[in-house]
Each structure stands twice: as C-alpha cells, then as structure tokens.
C-alpha cells in the first residue's frame, strides 16, 4: 500500500472541510450583510424571490429578527405580497415579534381568509393572552372555501384547545375536497390527533382506496395516521 498518496488525499479532504467550515462561519453567510439582503428581497415584486428569501430567513431562526419590522410594514401596506413563510420568520423571533402585534391584530378582519387565520396563529404564538381574540377567527375560517385556510384554522384550534370534535369533521371533509394540495398536511394532523380522530377513519380509508395522491410519502402518512388513530389501513 502506498501511504503517501493516501496521506495527500486526506490532507486535501481536510482542507476542503476547513474551507467549508470557514464559509459557514463567515459573516457574509450568517451575519448582518446576508440578513439585510434577504430582508430587502421580502418586498420584491417576484413571488419566487420573496418566498426564497422567507425560507432562508426561517432557517436563520432568531438571527432573522431584523426582518420583523419589514414584515409588519408589508402586512400594513402591501398585504398582497404576503406569504405565510414570512409569519414563520416572526414566530422564530418572539421578542422582536412583539412590536408588530398591532399589525397582526389589524389583519384579523381582512377579507383574505388565509391571511386572517395565519395572522391569528402568529398572534397567539407570540402571546397566548390573545386566545380569546384569535379563537373566533379560527372558528370562522373552518367554513371558508379556501382549503388552505380551513386546514390552518383546524391546526390552530387543535394547538389551542385540543378539542378533536371541533376540528376533525373539517379535516375529514378536506380529504374529499377537489383540491389535493393540502391532503398531506391534513393527514399528518389527523395522525397527530390520534384516537380522538376516529371520526375520520372512513374518510382516510376512502382516500387510500381512491389513490388521490399516488406519492409514497403521502400514502405512507395515511397508513400511519390510521394506525395512530387505532384502525387497520
């Protein structure tokens, strides 16, 4: 065995690792310049740019706090540019998020059901004393035409009250909704609820039988949800 070439390869690999580590730790990646650039992109006219910036800021956790005031102003002045990922950024920065509670509260009466219930969720996450204010918003969104608003409302109410009777009928109905985009999230939530979600067993079984979504990860989630609830797939 030739030792020298192996040592050379290991040395090269070590150098690569060191370079990667330095890049990950650099201020450009994790510091203020990177954050400021992402924050500026939150108001971009292009949806994809705004969404990508929001996702990157979510990954920064509480280091993304400089984005919070911008998100608050966006809710007030340009709500059409909103995406829920921006509110996830706020939820990751609870201290900074306190400053935009008035903006969130103002959105609780907006005609946009998805914005309404998402702001209700973030307001409650930031401050549980707003439960009595946000609960009626979530309850009202259970009957909205927007499937995304309905599943968000059901998720929030379950987090707040753990009352399966309040949310399971909505979730079961979503499994036969023409829109399939929220099936996976609905199924995962039913699995989290567990045995109290037994009312949804027939809907889950029909969902599996009709193969609404053939992707393995979704069908596996449905099987797991039935098992968690206490039923055979």
Protein backbone atom coordinates (compact mmCIF):
# COMPACT_ATOMS: atom_id res chain seq x y z
CA UNK A 1 0.00 0.00 0.00
CA UNK A 2 1.29 3.45 -0.93
CA UNK A 3 0.94 5.61 2.15
CA UNK A 4 1.99 8.96 0.65
CA UNK A 5 -0.89 9.29 -1.88
CA UNK A 6 -3.43 8.39 0.82
CA UNK A 7 -1.98 11.00 3.18
CA UNK A 8 -2.16 13.52 0.35
CA UNK A 9 -5.83 12.76 -0.29
CA UNK A 10 -6.65 13.05 3.41
CA UNK A 11 -4.85 16.37 3.57
CA UNK A 12 -6.87 17.66 0.61
CA UNK A 13 -10.12 16.49 2.18
CA UNK A 14 -9.14 18.16 5.45
CA UNK A 15 -8.53 21.39 3.60
CA UNK A 16 -11.94 21.19 1.92
CA UNK A 17 -13.64 20.64 5.27
CA UNK A 18 -11.78 23.61 6.76
CA UNK A 19 -12.82 25.80 3.83
CA UNK A 20 -16.46 24.73 4.18
CA UNK A 21 -16.35 25.43 7.92
CA UNK A 22 -14.89 28.88 7.34
CA UNK A 23 -17.54 29.61 4.70
CA UNK A 24 -20.36 28.53 7.01
CA UNK A 25 -19.00 30.65 9.84
CA UNK A 26 -18.33 33.73 7.74
CA UNK A 27 -20.24 36.93 8.49
CA UNK A 28 -21.31 37.08 4.85
CA UNK A 29 -23.30 33.87 5.32
CA UNK A 30 -24.66 34.27 8.82
CA UNK A 31 -24.10 37.91 9.72
CA UNK A 32 -25.87 41.17 9.10
CA UNK A 33 -24.99 41.61 5.40
CA UNK A 34 -26.66 38.32 4.45
CA UNK A 35 -29.73 39.09 6.57
CA UNK A 36 -30.10 42.60 5.16
CA UNK A 37 -30.00 41.29 1.61
CA UNK A 38 -32.68 38.69 2.37
CA UNK A 39 -34.82 41.27 4.15
CA UNK A 40 -34.73 43.56 1.13
CA UNK A 41 -35.96 40.70 -1.04
CA UNK A 42 -39.12 40.28 1.03
CA UNK A 43 -40.67 43.24 -0.78
CA UNK A 44 -39.59 42.15 -4.26
CA UNK A 45 -42.28 42.09 -6.96
CA UNK A 46 -41.42 38.49 -7.84
CA UNK A 47 -43.20 35.87 -5.72
CA UNK A 48 -40.41 33.33 -6.07
CA UNK A 49 -37.83 35.82 -4.80
CA UNK A 50 -39.99 36.72 -1.79
CA UNK A 51 -40.65 33.08 -0.95
CA UNK A 52 -37.00 32.05 -1.25
CA UNK A 53 -35.94 34.95 0.98
CA UNK A 54 -38.56 33.99 3.55
CA UNK A 55 -37.41 30.38 3.61
CA UNK A 56 -33.78 31.45 4.05
CA UNK A 57 -34.76 33.74 6.92
CA UNK A 58 -36.73 30.95 8.60
CA UNK A 59 -33.56 28.86 8.66
CA UNK A 60 -31.74 31.67 10.46
CA UNK A 61 -34.08 31.40 13.46
CA UNK A 62 -33.90 34.35 15.84
CA UNK A 63 -30.99 35.82 13.83
CA UNK A 64 -33.63 36.93 11.33
CA UNK A 65 -35.11 39.46 13.77
CA UNK A 66 -34.21 42.47 11.51
CA UNK A 67 -36.85 41.14 9.10
CA UNK A 68 -39.69 41.50 11.60
CA UNK A 69 -40.35 45.28 11.22
CA UNK A 70 -40.29 44.90 7.43
CA UNK A 71 -42.83 42.09 7.59
CA UNK A 72 -45.02 44.24 9.83
CA UNK A 73 -44.92 47.11 7.32
CA UNK A 74 -45.63 44.68 4.50
CA UNK A 75 -48.77 43.45 6.26
CA UNK A 76 -49.97 47.03 6.61
CA UNK A 77 -49.05 48.45 3.22
CA UNK A 78 -48.69 45.56 0.75
CA UNK A 79 -50.59 42.53 2.05
CA UNK A 80 -50.79 41.15 -1.49
CA UNK A 81 -47.08 40.33 -1.16
CA UNK A 82 -47.64 38.29 1.98
CA UNK A 83 -46.76 34.62 2.28
CA UNK A 84 -47.18 32.52 5.41
CA UNK A 85 -43.45 31.75 5.47
CA UNK A 86 -42.91 35.38 6.50
CA UNK A 87 -45.01 34.83 9.60
CA UNK A 88 -42.92 31.77 10.41
CA UNK A 89 -39.97 34.15 10.48
CA UNK A 90 -41.82 36.30 13.01
CA UNK A 91 -42.69 33.27 15.15
CA UNK A 92 -39.00 32.38 15.28
CA UNK A 93 -38.28 35.85 16.68
CA UNK A 94 -40.76 36.18 19.57
CA UNK A 95 -39.06 39.14 21.23
CA UNK A 96 -38.90 41.20 18.06
CA UNK A 97 -42.36 39.95 17.06
CA UNK A 98 -44.00 41.77 19.96
CA UNK A 99 -43.55 45.05 18.09
CA UNK A 100 -45.83 44.03 15.21
CA UNK A 101 -48.72 42.65 17.26
CA UNK A 102 -50.87 45.68 16.30
CA UNK A 103 -50.25 44.91 12.61
CA UNK A 104 -51.20 41.26 13.15
CA UNK A 105 -54.30 42.27 15.08
CA UNK A 106 -55.39 44.61 12.28
CA UNK A 107 -55.29 41.66 9.85
CA UNK A 108 -57.82 39.66 11.86
CA UNK A 109 -60.64 41.34 9.97
CA UNK A 110 -59.16 41.24 6.46
CA UNK A 111 -61.34 39.63 3.73
CA UNK A 112 -58.39 37.35 2.87
CA UNK A 113 -59.16 34.22 4.90
CA UNK A 114 -55.68 32.75 4.62
CA UNK A 115 -54.02 35.96 5.79
CA UNK A 116 -56.61 36.29 8.55
CA UNK A 117 -56.07 32.88 10.09
CA UNK A 118 -52.29 32.92 9.66
CA UNK A 119 -52.06 36.25 11.47
CA UNK A 120 -54.32 34.85 14.19
CA UNK A 121 -51.93 31.92 14.59
CA UNK A 122 -48.84 34.11 14.80
CA UNK A 123 -50.51 36.49 17.24
CA UNK A 124 -51.41 33.56 19.50
CA UNK A 125 -47.93 32.04 19.19
CA UNK A 126 -46.37 35.34 20.23
CA UNK A 127 -48.81 35.94 23.07
CA UNK A 128 -51.24 33.31 24.38
CA UNK A 129 -53.30 36.00 26.09
CA UNK A 130 -54.75 36.71 22.63
CA UNK A 131 -56.52 33.34 22.63
CA UNK A 132 -59.98 34.81 23.13
CA UNK A 133 -59.39 37.17 20.21
CA UNK A 134 -57.90 34.64 17.79
CA UNK A 135 -60.11 31.63 18.53
CA UNK A 136 -63.24 33.12 16.85
CA UNK A 137 -61.13 33.96 13.79
CA UNK A 138 -60.00 30.34 13.51
CA UNK A 139 -63.52 29.03 14.11
CA UNK A 140 -64.84 31.27 11.36
CA UNK A 141 -62.21 30.04 8.91
CA UNK A 142 -63.27 26.40 9.34
CA UNK A 143 -66.10 27.11 6.92
CA UNK A 144 -64.10 29.06 4.33
CA UNK A 145 -63.94 27.94 0.71
CA UNK A 146 -60.13 28.16 0.78
CA UNK A 147 -58.86 24.69 1.74
CA UNK A 148 -55.60 26.16 3.00
CA UNK A 149 -57.45 28.47 5.38
CA UNK A 150 -59.51 25.55 6.67
CA UNK A 151 -56.59 23.30 7.47
CA UNK A 152 -54.70 26.22 9.04
CA UNK A 153 -57.73 27.01 11.19
CA UNK A 154 -58.10 23.39 12.26
CA UNK A 155 -54.41 23.19 13.11
CA UNK A 156 -54.56 26.35 15.21
CA UNK A 157 -57.66 25.28 17.10
CA UNK A 158 -56.14 21.89 17.84
CA UNK A 159 -52.99 23.55 19.17
CA UNK A 160 -55.05 25.90 21.30
CA UNK A 161 -57.78 23.66 22.71
CA UNK A 162 -57.03 20.01 21.84
CA UNK A 163 -60.72 19.58 21.04
CA UNK A 164 -60.99 16.91 18.34
CA UNK A 165 -64.74 17.32 17.92
CA UNK A 166 -64.13 20.90 16.90
CA UNK A 167 -61.70 20.16 14.05
CA UNK A 168 -61.94 16.53 12.89
CA UNK A 169 -65.12 17.00 10.78
CA UNK A 170 -63.38 19.77 8.83
CA UNK A 171 -60.24 17.67 8.34
CA UNK A 172 -62.22 14.61 7.22
CA UNK A 173 -64.11 16.71 4.67
CA UNK A 174 -60.85 18.11 3.29
CA UNK A 175 -59.83 14.59 2.21
CA UNK A 176 -62.55 14.66 -0.45
CA UNK A 177 -62.03 18.30 -1.41
CA UNK A 178 -61.30 18.80 -5.14
CA UNK A 179 -58.01 20.45 -4.20
CA UNK A 180 -55.37 17.92 -3.15
CA UNK A 181 -52.63 20.41 -2.21
CA UNK A 182 -53.43 20.16 1.50
CA UNK A 183 -54.07 16.41 1.73
CA UNK A 184 -50.66 15.62 3.21
CA UNK A 185 -50.89 18.26 5.91
CA UNK A 186 -54.46 17.19 6.72
CA UNK A 187 -53.43 13.55 7.03
CA UNK A 188 -50.44 14.39 9.26
CA UNK A 189 -52.66 16.47 11.54
CA UNK A 190 -55.17 13.64 11.88
CA UNK A 191 -52.31 11.34 12.83
CA UNK A 192 -51.16 13.83 15.47
CA UNK A 193 -54.65 13.97 16.94
CA UNK A 194 -54.64 10.18 17.23
CA UNK A 195 -57.56 8.16 18.71
CA UNK A 196 -59.85 11.20 19.17
CA UNK A 197 -59.84 11.49 15.35
CA UNK A 198 -61.68 8.17 14.87
CA UNK A 199 -64.50 10.01 13.08
CA UNK A 200 -62.07 10.49 10.17
CA UNK A 201 -61.31 6.76 9.75
CA UNK A 202 -63.83 6.24 6.89
CA UNK A 203 -62.53 9.30 5.05
CA UNK A 204 -58.92 8.12 5.40
CA UNK A 205 -59.79 4.66 4.11
CA UNK A 206 -61.66 6.09 1.12
CA UNK A 207 -58.71 8.39 0.47
CA UNK A 208 -56.36 5.40 0.35
CA UNK A 209 -58.72 3.37 -1.84
CA UNK A 210 -59.19 6.11 -4.43
CA UNK A 211 -55.44 6.85 -4.61
CA UNK A 212 -55.96 10.61 -4.78
CA UNK A 213 -52.23 11.11 -4.43
CA UNK A 214 -50.02 8.22 -5.55
CA UNK A 215 -46.83 9.55 -3.95
CA UNK A 216 -45.47 7.00 -1.48
CA UNK A 217 -44.72 9.50 1.29
CA UNK A 218 -48.37 10.64 1.31
CA UNK A 219 -49.88 7.15 1.25
CA UNK A 220 -47.46 6.07 3.97
CA UNK A 221 -48.58 9.04 6.05
CA UNK A 222 -52.22 7.97 5.61
CA UNK A 223 -51.43 4.43 6.73
CA UNK A 224 -49.53 5.77 9.73
CA UNK A 225 -52.40 8.13 10.59
CA UNK A 226 -54.87 5.24 10.63
CA UNK A 227 -52.54 3.26 12.86
CA UNK A 228 -52.12 6.19 15.24
CA UNK A 229 -55.88 6.62 15.41
CA UNK A 230 -56.26 2.90 16.14
CA UNK A 231 -57.59 1.50 12.88
CA UNK A 232 -56.33 -1.01 10.35
CA UNK A 233 -55.38 0.52 6.96
